[in-house]
Amino acid sequence: EKEFSSVWARLKVILFFIFALLVTTNLAAFGDEDRRDLGFMTKYMITVDEQNYEVIFSSNFSISSHTFSASDRMLQFNIETSLESKNIGEIIIPRTLMDGEFTVLLDGKEITYHLSDSTKVSVISVIFDGKGKHTIDIIAKDVEHNSGGCLIATAAFGSELSPQIQFL
């Protein structure tokens, strides 16, 4: 029993130091210390040709309104920021709604962005500076994957955003 209590005492000391180490660890050392949490997450339902598409916008700023133009292949967000720098936004867009190469504009001027995409969604991340009211435009440009083939089908179904054309 004396040997057991000696082992138990050592184990308690080791556990105490592990706990103390975990509590005092600087988590910024393991990632981007400038990263801020994205506090706002807003879901938008966009309807095109009787199809609903969910666009999700996560950010550390507020979004006052949005519009979508199927003919221009453009999403527009009117936003208001309270930070002078490091305004962060992440937009998840279904590829069946918008696909291709993207251009991102802040107040009409092109800005850099990071794109992560999968077979179902494109995730556009932006970081920009400037406090106040702004407009973010996301524009999809057509990408020619092959020549021909879908022009007649698009004309038959009325829109390149129809599910039948997206399937092609």
C-alpha atoms as a PDB file:
ATOM      1  CA  GLU A   1       0.000   0.000   0.000  1.00  0.00           C
ATOM      2  CA  LYS A   2       2.933   2.332   0.706  1.00  0.00           C
ATOM      3  CA  GLU A   3       4.226   1.740  -2.802  1.00  0.00           C
ATOM      4  CA  PHE A   4       0.776   2.537  -4.263  1.00  0.00           C
ATOM      5  CA  SER A   5       0.535   5.855  -2.411  1.00  0.00           C
ATOM      6  CA  SER A   6       4.031   6.793  -3.604  1.00  0.00           C
ATOM      7  CA  VAL A   7       3.045   6.101  -7.226  1.00  0.00           C
ATOM      8  CA  TRP A   8      -0.225   7.986  -6.721  1.00  0.00           C
ATOM      9  CA  ALA A   9       1.614  11.021  -5.324  1.00  0.00           C
ATOM     10  CA  ARG A  10       3.982  11.080  -8.305  1.00  0.00           C
ATOM     11  CA  LEU A  11       1.069  10.735 -10.693  1.00  0.00           C
ATOM     12  CA  LYS A  12      -0.698  13.691  -9.059  1.00  0.00           C
ATOM     13  CA  VAL A  13       2.418  15.856  -9.440  1.00  0.00           C
ATOM     14  CA  ILE A  14       2.780  14.894 -13.110  1.00  0.00           C
ATOM     15  CA  LEU A  15      -0.906  15.582 -13.789  1.00  0.00           C
ATOM     16  CA  PHE A  16      -0.636  18.948 -12.046  1.00  0.00           C
ATOM     17  CA  PHE A  17       2.295  19.988 -14.263  1.00  0.00           C
ATOM     18  CA  ILE A  18       0.540  18.802 -17.423  1.00  0.00           C
ATOM     19  CA  PHE A  19      -2.546  20.795 -16.452  1.00  0.00           C
ATOM     20  CA  ALA A  20      -0.430  23.870 -15.645  1.00  0.00           C
ATOM     21  CA  LEU A  21       1.347  23.556 -18.991  1.00  0.00           C
ATOM     22  CA  LEU A  22      -1.941  23.308 -20.893  1.00  0.00           C
ATOM     23  CA  VAL A  23      -3.416  26.327 -19.134  1.00  0.00           C
ATOM     24  CA  THR A  24      -0.398  28.548 -19.757  1.00  0.00           C
ATOM     25  CA  THR A  25       0.268  27.504 -23.367  1.00  0.00           C
ATOM     26  CA  ASN A  26       0.264  30.419 -25.795  1.00  0.00           C
ATOM     27  CA  LEU A  27      -2.174  29.180 -28.429  1.00  0.00           C
ATOM     28  CA  ALA A  28      -1.113  31.944 -30.831  1.00  0.00           C
ATOM     29  CA  ALA A  29       2.159  30.059 -31.266  1.00  0.00           C
ATOM     30  CA  PHE A  30       0.240  27.360 -33.106  1.00  0.00           C
ATOM     31  CA  GLY A  31      -1.476  29.544 -35.651  1.00  0.00           C
ATOM     32  CA  ASP A  32      -2.028  33.006 -36.988  1.00  0.00           C
ATOM     33  CA  GLU A  33      -2.061  35.265 -33.949  1.00  0.00           C
ATOM     34  CA  ASP A  34      -3.775  37.994 -35.984  1.00  0.00           C
ATOM     35  CA  ARG A  35      -6.757  35.822 -36.837  1.00  0.00           C
ATOM     36  CA  ARG A  36     -10.003  37.098 -35.349  1.00  0.00           C
ATOM     37  CA  ASP A  37     -13.074  35.029 -34.733  1.00  0.00           C
ATOM     38  CA  LEU A  38     -15.856  35.410 -37.247  1.00  0.00           C
ATOM     39  CA  GLY A  39     -18.743  36.465 -35.036  1.00  0.00           C
ATOM     40  CA  PHE A  40     -21.573  36.904 -37.531  1.00  0.00           C
ATOM     41  CA  MET A  41     -22.928  34.098 -39.690  1.00  0.00           C
ATOM     42  CA  THR A  42     -25.807  34.892 -42.015  1.00  0.00           C
ATOM     43  CA  LYS A  43     -27.580  32.487 -44.355  1.00  0.00           C
ATOM     44  CA  TYR A  44     -29.262  33.785 -47.493  1.00  0.00           C
ATOM     45  CA  MET A  45     -31.715  31.842 -49.646  1.00  0.00           C
ATOM     46  CA  ILE A  46     -31.385  32.879 -53.273  1.00  0.00           C
ATOM     47  CA  THR A  47     -34.013  31.680 -55.727  1.00  0.00           C
ATOM     48  CA  VAL A  48     -33.208  31.336 -59.418  1.00  0.00           C
ATOM     49  CA  ASP A  49     -35.551  29.568 -61.850  1.00  0.00           C
ATOM     50  CA  GLU A  50     -37.599  28.189 -58.932  1.00  0.00           C
ATOM     51  CA  GLN A  51     -34.451  26.621 -57.397  1.00  0.00           C
ATOM     52  CA  ASN A  52     -33.306  27.671 -53.916  1.00  0.00           C
ATOM     53  CA  TYR A  53     -29.610  28.096 -53.161  1.00  0.00           C
ATOM     54  CA  GLU A  54     -28.152  28.752 -49.712  1.00  0.00           C
ATOM     55  CA  VAL A  55     -25.269  31.243 -49.494  1.00  0.00           C
ATOM     56  CA  ILE A  56     -23.551  31.532 -46.107  1.00  0.00           C
ATOM     57  CA  PHE A  57     -21.582  34.645 -45.134  1.00  0.00           C
ATOM     58  CA  SER A  58     -19.464  34.548 -41.962  1.00  0.00           C
ATOM     59  CA  SER A  59     -17.673  37.731 -40.922  1.00  0.00           C
ATOM     60  CA  ASN A  60     -16.499  40.000 -38.137  1.00  0.00           C
ATOM     61  CA  PHE A  61     -18.669  42.810 -39.576  1.00  0.00           C
ATOM     62  CA  SER A  62     -22.382  43.253 -40.220  1.00  0.00           C
ATOM     63  CA  ILE A  63     -24.176  42.861 -43.535  1.00  0.00           C
ATOM     64  CA  SER A  64     -27.050  45.257 -44.102  1.00  0.00           C
ATOM     65  CA  SER A  65     -28.349  43.870 -47.416  1.00  0.00           C
ATOM     66  CA  HIS A  66     -27.573  41.640 -50.366  1.00  0.00           C
ATOM     67  CA  THR A  67     -28.610  41.226 -53.997  1.00  0.00           C
ATOM     68  CA  PHE A  68     -28.014  38.596 -56.652  1.00  0.00           C
ATOM     69  CA  SER A  69     -28.069  39.138 -60.398  1.00  0.00           C
ATOM     70  CA  ALA A  70     -28.287  35.898 -62.375  1.00  0.00           C
ATOM     71  CA  SER A  71     -27.681  37.705 -65.678  1.00  0.00           C
ATOM     72  CA  ASP A  72     -24.512  39.387 -64.379  1.00  0.00           C
ATOM     73  CA  ARG A  73     -23.560  36.338 -62.265  1.00  0.00           C
ATOM     74  CA  MET A  74     -22.937  38.684 -59.342  1.00  0.00           C
ATOM     75  CA  LEU A  75     -23.556  38.615 -55.599  1.00  0.00           C
ATOM     76  CA  GLN A  76     -23.464  41.997 -53.880  1.00  0.00           C
ATOM     77  CA  PHE A  77     -23.294  42.626 -50.144  1.00  0.00           C
ATOM     78  CA  ASN A  78     -23.665  46.009 -48.442  1.00  0.00           C
ATOM     79  CA  ILE A  79     -21.666  45.861 -45.229  1.00  0.00           C
ATOM     80  CA  GLU A  80     -20.654  48.008 -42.279  1.00  0.00           C
ATOM     81  CA  THR A  81     -17.385  47.484 -40.428  1.00  0.00           C
ATOM     82  CA  SER A  82     -16.287  48.785 -37.048  1.00  0.00           C
ATOM     83  CA  LEU A  83     -12.624  47.826 -37.411  1.00  0.00           C
ATOM     84  CA  GLU A  84      -9.918  49.930 -39.074  1.00  0.00           C
ATOM     85  CA  SER A  85      -8.042  46.788 -40.124  1.00  0.00           C
ATOM     86  CA  LYS A  86      -8.379  43.052 -40.479  1.00  0.00           C
ATOM     87  CA  ASN A  87     -12.013  42.888 -41.508  1.00  0.00           C
ATOM     88  CA  ILE A  88     -12.546  39.210 -42.345  1.00  0.00           C
ATOM     89  CA  GLY A  89     -15.289  37.604 -44.396  1.00  0.00           C
ATOM     90  CA  GLU A  90     -15.910  34.086 -45.647  1.00  0.00           C
ATOM     91  CA  ILE A  91     -18.596  33.427 -48.244  1.00  0.00           C
ATOM     92  CA  ILE A  92     -19.777  29.899 -49.075  1.00  0.00           C
ATOM     93  CA  ILE A  93     -21.435  29.771 -52.491  1.00  0.00           C
ATOM     94  CA  PRO A  94     -22.996  26.652 -54.051  1.00  0.00           C
ATOM     95  CA  ARG A  95     -21.252  25.906 -57.342  1.00  0.00           C
ATOM     96  CA  THR A  96     -24.659  25.256 -58.891  1.00  0.00           C
ATOM     97  CA  LEU A  97     -25.464  28.945 -58.275  1.00  0.00           C
ATOM     98  CA  MET A  98     -22.129  30.495 -59.323  1.00  0.00           C
ATOM     99  CA  ASP A  99     -19.083  28.769 -60.739  1.00  0.00           C
ATOM    100  CA  GLY A 100     -16.022  29.707 -62.725  1.00  0.00           C
ATOM    101  CA  GLU A 101     -13.298  32.219 -62.035  1.00  0.00           C
ATOM    102  CA  PHE A 102     -14.231  34.863 -59.486  1.00  0.00           C
ATOM    103  CA  THR A 103     -13.483  38.550 -59.214  1.00  0.00           C
ATOM    104  CA  VAL A 104     -14.006  40.182 -55.825  1.00  0.00           C
ATOM    105  CA  LEU A 105     -14.518  43.945 -55.606  1.00  0.00           C
ATOM    106  CA  LEU A 106     -14.501  46.151 -52.522  1.00  0.00           C
ATOM    107  CA  ASP A 107     -16.188  49.464 -53.284  1.00  0.00           C
ATOM    108  CA  GLY A 108     -15.658  48.834 -57.000  1.00  0.00           C
ATOM    109  CA  LYS A 109     -11.926  48.036 -56.714  1.00  0.00           C
ATOM    110  CA  GLU A 110     -10.580  44.523 -57.176  1.00  0.00           C
ATOM    111  CA  ILE A 111      -9.146  42.934 -54.019  1.00  0.00           C
ATOM    112  CA  THR A 112      -7.270  39.711 -53.412  1.00  0.00           C
ATOM    113  CA  TYR A 113      -9.078  36.728 -51.967  1.00  0.00           C
ATOM    114  CA  HIS A 114      -8.446  33.105 -51.096  1.00  0.00           C
ATOM    115  CA  LEU A 115     -10.518  30.443 -52.852  1.00  0.00           C
ATOM    116  CA  SER A 116     -11.183  26.959 -51.509  1.00  0.00           C
ATOM    117  CA  ASP A 117     -13.592  24.868 -53.472  1.00  0.00           C
ATOM    118  CA  SER A 118     -15.018  21.405 -53.569  1.00  0.00           C
ATOM    119  CA  THR A 119     -17.347  19.675 -55.964  1.00  0.00           C
ATOM    120  CA  LYS A 120     -20.336  21.369 -54.292  1.00  0.00           C
ATOM    121  CA  VAL A 121     -19.261  24.790 -52.964  1.00  0.00           C
ATOM    122  CA  SER A 122     -16.764  27.584 -53.442  1.00  0.00           C
ATOM    123  CA  VAL A 123     -15.475  29.281 -50.303  1.00  0.00           C
ATOM    124  CA  ILE A 124     -14.190  32.819 -50.826  1.00  0.00           C
ATOM    125  CA  SER A 125     -12.224  34.396 -47.964  1.00  0.00           C
ATOM    126  CA  VAL A 126     -11.368  38.098 -47.887  1.00  0.00           C
ATOM    127  CA  ILE A 127      -9.402  40.275 -45.483  1.00  0.00           C
ATOM    128  CA  PHE A 128      -9.433  44.037 -45.924  1.00  0.00           C
ATOM    129  CA  ASP A 129      -8.885  47.290 -44.055  1.00  0.00           C
ATOM    130  CA  GLY A 130     -11.224  50.235 -43.623  1.00  0.00           C
ATOM    131  CA  LYS A 131     -13.900  51.184 -41.112  1.00  0.00           C
ATOM    132  CA  GLY A 132     -17.373  52.186 -42.304  1.00  0.00           C
ATOM    133  CA  LYS A 133     -19.862  51.264 -45.007  1.00  0.00           C
ATOM    134  CA  HIS A 134     -18.637  49.231 -47.986  1.00  0.00           C
ATOM    135  CA  THR A 135     -19.906  47.120 -50.860  1.00  0.00           C
ATOM    136  CA  ILE A 136     -18.492  43.683 -51.691  1.00  0.00           C
ATOM    137  CA  ASP A 137     -19.212  42.323 -55.175  1.00  0.00           C
ATOM    138  CA  ILE A 138     -18.452  38.735 -56.132  1.00  0.00           C
ATOM    139  CA  ILE A 139     -18.581  38.175 -59.873  1.00  0.00           C
ATOM    140  CA  ALA A 140     -18.233  34.795 -61.596  1.00  0.00           C
ATOM    141  CA  LYS A 141     -16.624  34.710 -65.016  1.00  0.00           C
ATOM    142  CA  ASP A 142     -17.390  31.933 -67.459  1.00  0.00           C
ATOM    143  CA  VAL A 143     -14.684  29.361 -67.908  1.00  0.00           C
ATOM    144  CA  GLU A 144     -14.613  27.415 -71.132  1.00  0.00           C
ATOM    145  CA  HIS A 145     -14.216  23.770 -70.131  1.00  0.00           C
ATOM    146  CA  ASN A 146     -14.906  22.495 -73.627  1.00  0.00           C
ATOM    147  CA  SER A 147     -16.140  23.953 -76.861  1.00  0.00           C
ATOM    148  CA  GLY A 148     -19.817  23.696 -77.641  1.00  0.00           C
ATOM    149  CA  GLY A 149     -22.249  21.050 -76.484  1.00  0.00           C
ATOM    150  CA  CYS A 150     -24.214  23.030 -73.904  1.00  0.00           C
ATOM    151  CA  LEU A 151     -25.325  26.027 -75.973  1.00  0.00           C
ATOM    152  CA  ILE A 152     -28.383  24.266 -77.370  1.00  0.00           C
ATOM    153  CA  ALA A 153     -29.239  22.692 -74.008  1.00  0.00           C
ATOM    154  CA  THR A 154     -28.930  26.080 -72.290  1.00  0.00           C
ATOM    155  CA  ALA A 155     -31.266  27.609 -74.845  1.00  0.00           C
ATOM    156  CA  ALA A 156     -33.717  24.740 -74.351  1.00  0.00           C
ATOM    157  CA  PHE A 157     -33.840  25.106 -70.550  1.00  0.00           C
ATOM    158  CA  GLY A 158     -33.656  28.912 -70.544  1.00  0.00           C
ATOM    159  CA  SER A 159     -30.755  29.415 -68.118  1.00  0.00           C
ATOM    160  CA  GLU A 160     -27.284  28.058 -67.477  1.00  0.00           C
ATOM    161  CA  LEU A 161     -28.274  27.957 -63.786  1.00  0.00           C
ATOM    162  CA  SER A 162     -31.046  25.397 -64.349  1.00  0.00           C
ATOM    163  CA  PRO A 163     -30.330  22.045 -62.657  1.00  0.00           C
ATOM    164  CA  GLN A 164     -30.345  20.187 -65.970  1.00  0.00           C
ATOM    165  CA  ILE A 165     -27.567  22.408 -67.373  1.00  0.00           C
ATOM    166  CA  GLN A 166     -25.573  22.301 -64.134  1.00  0.00           C
ATOM    167  CA  PHE A 167     -25.677  18.515 -64.395  1.00  0.00           C
ATOM    168  CA  LEU A 168     -24.134  18.685 -67.886  1.00  0.00           C
END
